[in-house]
Amino acid sequence: MGKKKLTKEMWAYIAGYVDGEGCIYVDSSTHVLRLQINTCYPGILHWIHENFGGPPVNPCRQRKQENHRNTYRWAISGAVLKPFLIGILPYAREKKSQIKLGLDYLASNDKLKKAEIAIQIKALKRVIFYEKNITN
């Protein structure tokens, strides 16, 4: 997988990045589970790419106005995705359900079950999360 063993803190940082900037989805044309991260700061994507591989970091949107920023994308699928998801699972919060479903998708050989999981993953993208107001 990577060139060096990642610490718990590194996994937690990556999980936070995936929670905030990541997307877990099943490609509708190939039926392959993918994870991608889009951000304006390519440095972290280069570091993740060095440790996990996948295609190189690519610009995905060039700024059109001066006050806009360029965005960059890193994505993985296939054999490196499973250990990546397992690594971030204990630290993920917002995308924990999608990660668990993604691991179920990768473990299944049943086409019908995979189709059901893909629908569940897609449905989770439409859930609006509300922060509970906690008072002492």
C-alpha atoms as a PDB file:
ATOM      1  CA  MET A   1       0.000   0.000   0.000  1.00  0.00           C
ATOM      2  CA  GLY A   2       2.068   2.917   1.214  1.00  0.00           C
ATOM      3  CA  LYS A   3       5.734   3.624   1.655  1.00  0.00           C
ATOM      4  CA  LYS A   4       5.509   3.883   5.437  1.00  0.00           C
ATOM      5  CA  LYS A   5       3.164   2.782   8.165  1.00  0.00           C
ATOM      6  CA  LEU A   6       0.629   5.467   8.964  1.00  0.00           C
ATOM      7  CA  THR A   7       0.037   6.476  12.571  1.00  0.00           C
ATOM      8  CA  LYS A   8      -3.429   6.676  14.139  1.00  0.00           C
ATOM      9  CA  GLU A   9      -3.160  10.452  13.943  1.00  0.00           C
ATOM     10  CA  MET A  10      -2.479  10.302  10.195  1.00  0.00           C
ATOM     11  CA  TRP A  11      -5.457   7.978   9.648  1.00  0.00           C
ATOM     12  CA  ALA A  12      -7.637  10.315  11.715  1.00  0.00           C
ATOM     13  CA  TYR A  13      -6.498  13.323   9.660  1.00  0.00           C
ATOM     14  CA  ILE A  14      -7.238  11.527   6.391  1.00  0.00           C
ATOM     15  CA  ALA A  15     -10.648  10.415   7.714  1.00  0.00           C
ATOM     16  CA  GLY A  16     -11.467  14.020   8.581  1.00  0.00           C
ATOM     17  CA  TYR A  17     -10.459  15.101   5.110  1.00  0.00           C
ATOM     18  CA  VAL A  18     -12.657  12.426   3.549  1.00  0.00           C
ATOM     19  CA  ASP A  19     -15.540  13.445   5.842  1.00  0.00           C
ATOM     20  CA  GLY A  20     -15.251  17.051   4.688  1.00  0.00           C
ATOM     21  CA  GLU A  21     -14.067  16.869   1.085  1.00  0.00           C
ATOM     22  CA  GLY A  22     -14.563  13.255   0.036  1.00  0.00           C
ATOM     23  CA  CYS A  23     -17.164  11.393  -1.967  1.00  0.00           C
ATOM     24  CA  ILE A  24     -17.835   7.652  -1.880  1.00  0.00           C
ATOM     25  CA  TYR A  25     -19.937   6.380  -4.766  1.00  0.00           C
ATOM     26  CA  VAL A  26     -20.578   3.525  -7.160  1.00  0.00           C
ATOM     27  CA  ASP A  27     -19.848   4.510 -10.757  1.00  0.00           C
ATOM     28  CA  SER A  28     -23.123   3.941 -12.598  1.00  0.00           C
ATOM     29  CA  SER A  29     -21.480   2.917 -15.869  1.00  0.00           C
ATOM     30  CA  THR A  30     -18.820   0.517 -14.539  1.00  0.00           C
ATOM     31  CA  HIS A  31     -20.411  -0.484 -11.199  1.00  0.00           C
ATOM     32  CA  VAL A  32     -17.064   0.106  -9.482  1.00  0.00           C
ATOM     33  CA  LEU A  33     -16.889   1.584  -5.994  1.00  0.00           C
ATOM     34  CA  ARG A  34     -14.802   4.768  -5.954  1.00  0.00           C
ATOM     35  CA  LEU A  35     -13.626   7.323  -3.460  1.00  0.00           C
ATOM     36  CA  GLN A  36     -12.556  10.779  -4.528  1.00  0.00           C
ATOM     37  CA  ILE A  37     -11.424  13.876  -2.717  1.00  0.00           C
ATOM     38  CA  ASN A  38     -11.775  17.351  -4.226  1.00  0.00           C
ATOM     39  CA  THR A  39     -10.023  20.319  -2.657  1.00  0.00           C
ATOM     40  CA  CYS A  40      -8.408  23.671  -3.362  1.00  0.00           C
ATOM     41  CA  TYR A  41      -5.228  22.531  -1.591  1.00  0.00           C
ATOM     42  CA  PRO A  42      -3.380  19.904  -3.664  1.00  0.00           C
ATOM     43  CA  GLY A  43      -0.568  19.305  -1.133  1.00  0.00           C
ATOM     44  CA  ILE A  44      -2.575  16.903   1.029  1.00  0.00           C
ATOM     45  CA  LEU A  45      -3.764  15.063  -2.070  1.00  0.00           C
ATOM     46  CA  HIS A  46      -0.168  14.568  -3.227  1.00  0.00           C
ATOM     47  CA  TRP A  47       0.719  13.177   0.216  1.00  0.00           C
ATOM     48  CA  ILE A  48      -2.261  10.785   0.155  1.00  0.00           C
ATOM     49  CA  HIS A  49      -1.353   9.753  -3.406  1.00  0.00           C
ATOM     50  CA  GLU A  50       2.238   8.997  -2.344  1.00  0.00           C
ATOM     51  CA  ASN A  51       0.936   6.692   0.379  1.00  0.00           C
ATOM     52  CA  PHE A  52      -1.949   4.998  -1.454  1.00  0.00           C
ATOM     53  CA  GLY A  53      -1.355   5.321  -5.173  1.00  0.00           C
ATOM     54  CA  GLY A  54      -4.203   5.694  -7.574  1.00  0.00           C
ATOM     55  CA  PRO A  55      -4.105   8.117 -10.457  1.00  0.00           C
ATOM     56  CA  PRO A  56      -2.063  11.272  -9.969  1.00  0.00           C
ATOM     57  CA  VAL A  57      -3.682  14.378  -8.523  1.00  0.00           C
ATOM     58  CA  ASN A  58      -5.435  16.251 -11.304  1.00  0.00           C
ATOM     59  CA  PRO A  59      -6.815  19.753 -11.600  1.00  0.00           C
ATOM     60  CA  CYS A  60     -10.566  19.346 -11.972  1.00  0.00           C
ATOM     61  CA  ARG A  61     -11.670  22.963 -12.256  1.00  0.00           C
ATOM     62  CA  GLN A  62      -9.620  25.969 -13.218  1.00  0.00           C
ATOM     63  CA  ARG A  63     -10.689  29.267 -11.789  1.00  0.00           C
ATOM     64  CA  LYS A  64     -12.797  31.407 -14.065  1.00  0.00           C
ATOM     65  CA  GLN A  65     -12.811  34.524 -11.950  1.00  0.00           C
ATOM     66  CA  GLU A  66     -10.078  36.068  -9.874  1.00  0.00           C
ATOM     67  CA  ASN A  67     -11.840  35.370  -6.577  1.00  0.00           C
ATOM     68  CA  HIS A  68     -12.303  31.663  -7.454  1.00  0.00           C
ATOM     69  CA  ARG A  69      -9.672  29.034  -6.711  1.00  0.00           C
ATOM     70  CA  ASN A  70      -8.534  26.045  -8.737  1.00  0.00           C
ATOM     71  CA  THR A  71      -9.690  22.674  -7.430  1.00  0.00           C
ATOM     72  CA  TYR A  72      -7.874  19.344  -7.537  1.00  0.00           C
ATOM     73  CA  ARG A  73      -9.009  15.723  -7.416  1.00  0.00           C
ATOM     74  CA  TRP A  74      -7.537  12.440  -6.214  1.00  0.00           C
ATOM     75  CA  ALA A  75      -9.509   9.210  -6.590  1.00  0.00           C
ATOM     76  CA  ILE A  76      -9.054   5.517  -5.930  1.00  0.00           C
ATOM     77  CA  SER A  77     -10.863   2.275  -6.607  1.00  0.00           C
ATOM     78  CA  GLY A  78      -9.904  -1.354  -6.895  1.00  0.00           C
ATOM     79  CA  ALA A  79      -7.475  -3.209  -4.639  1.00  0.00           C
ATOM     80  CA  VAL A  80      -6.161  -0.145  -2.759  1.00  0.00           C
ATOM     81  CA  LEU A  81      -9.633   1.097  -1.816  1.00  0.00           C
ATOM     82  CA  LYS A  82     -10.461  -1.599   0.749  1.00  0.00           C
ATOM     83  CA  PRO A  83      -7.416  -1.040   3.014  1.00  0.00           C
ATOM     84  CA  PHE A  84      -7.939   2.712   2.692  1.00  0.00           C
ATOM     85  CA  LEU A  85     -11.566   2.426   3.849  1.00  0.00           C
ATOM     86  CA  ILE A  86     -10.609   0.079   6.692  1.00  0.00           C
ATOM     87  CA  GLY A  87      -7.932   2.550   7.798  1.00  0.00           C
ATOM     88  CA  ILE A  88     -10.242   5.557   7.995  1.00  0.00           C
ATOM     89  CA  LEU A  89     -13.338   3.752   9.322  1.00  0.00           C
ATOM     90  CA  PRO A  90     -12.580   4.081  13.060  1.00  0.00           C
ATOM     91  CA  TYR A  91     -12.060   7.840  12.715  1.00  0.00           C
ATOM     92  CA  ALA A  92     -14.762   8.785  10.216  1.00  0.00           C
ATOM     93  CA  ARG A  93     -17.898  10.492  11.425  1.00  0.00           C
ATOM     94  CA  GLU A  94     -19.974  11.945   8.626  1.00  0.00           C
ATOM     95  CA  LYS A  95     -19.145   9.265   6.050  1.00  0.00           C
ATOM     96  CA  LYS A  96     -18.977   6.271   8.436  1.00  0.00           C
ATOM     97  CA  SER A  97     -22.228   4.753   7.092  1.00  0.00           C
ATOM     98  CA  GLN A  98     -21.060   5.145   3.489  1.00  0.00           C
ATOM     99  CA  ILE A  99     -17.694   3.553   4.344  1.00  0.00           C
ATOM    100  CA  LYS A 100     -19.392   0.561   5.989  1.00  0.00           C
ATOM    101  CA  LEU A 101     -21.689   0.146   2.999  1.00  0.00           C
ATOM    102  CA  GLY A 102     -18.699   0.494   0.674  1.00  0.00           C
ATOM    103  CA  LEU A 103     -16.902  -2.327   2.481  1.00  0.00           C
ATOM    104  CA  ASP A 104     -20.064  -4.462   2.201  1.00  0.00           C
ATOM    105  CA  TYR A 105     -20.176  -3.643  -1.518  1.00  0.00           C
ATOM    106  CA  LEU A 106     -16.564  -4.723  -1.973  1.00  0.00           C
ATOM    107  CA  ALA A 107     -17.157  -7.960  -0.040  1.00  0.00           C
ATOM    108  CA  SER A 108     -20.238  -9.001  -2.004  1.00  0.00           C
ATOM    109  CA  ASN A 109     -20.306 -11.115  -5.157  1.00  0.00           C
ATOM    110  CA  ASP A 110     -24.099 -10.927  -5.423  1.00  0.00           C
ATOM    111  CA  LYS A 111     -25.150  -8.472  -8.166  1.00  0.00           C
ATOM    112  CA  LEU A 112     -28.564  -7.835  -6.632  1.00  0.00           C
ATOM    113  CA  LYS A 113     -27.086  -7.119  -3.198  1.00  0.00           C
ATOM    114  CA  LYS A 114     -24.486  -4.814  -4.756  1.00  0.00           C
ATOM    115  CA  ALA A 115     -27.240  -2.925  -6.588  1.00  0.00           C
ATOM    116  CA  GLU A 116     -29.137  -2.482  -3.304  1.00  0.00           C
ATOM    117  CA  ILE A 117     -25.989  -1.251  -1.537  1.00  0.00           C
ATOM    118  CA  ALA A 118     -25.292   1.200  -4.372  1.00  0.00           C
ATOM    119  CA  ILE A 119     -28.790   2.646  -3.917  1.00  0.00           C
ATOM    120  CA  GLN A 120     -28.200   2.983  -0.161  1.00  0.00           C
ATOM    121  CA  ILE A 121     -24.875   4.758  -0.688  1.00  0.00           C
ATOM    122  CA  LYS A 122     -26.513   7.161  -3.134  1.00  0.00           C
ATOM    123  CA  ALA A 123     -29.407   7.800  -0.751  1.00  0.00           C
ATOM    124  CA  LEU A 124     -27.014   8.746   2.055  1.00  0.00           C
ATOM    125  CA  LYS A 125     -25.721  11.606  -0.092  1.00  0.00           C
ATOM    126  CA  ARG A 126     -29.157  13.189   0.063  1.00  0.00           C
ATOM    127  CA  VAL A 127     -29.473  13.068   3.847  1.00  0.00           C
ATOM    128  CA  ILE A 128     -29.322  16.463   5.483  1.00  0.00           C
ATOM    129  CA  PHE A 129     -27.574  16.330   8.831  1.00  0.00           C
ATOM    130  CA  TYR A 130     -28.654  18.708  11.561  1.00  0.00           C
ATOM    131  CA  GLU A 131     -26.408  19.396  14.518  1.00  0.00           C
ATOM    132  CA  LYS A 132     -28.228  18.761  17.757  1.00  0.00           C
ATOM    133  CA  ASN A 133     -28.299  21.824  19.985  1.00  0.00           C
ATOM    134  CA  ILE A 134     -26.998  20.615  23.328  1.00  0.00           C
ATOM    135  CA  THR A 135     -27.300  22.838  26.353  1.00  0.00           C
ATOM    136  CA  ASN A 136     -25.947  22.236  29.839  1.00  0.00           C
END
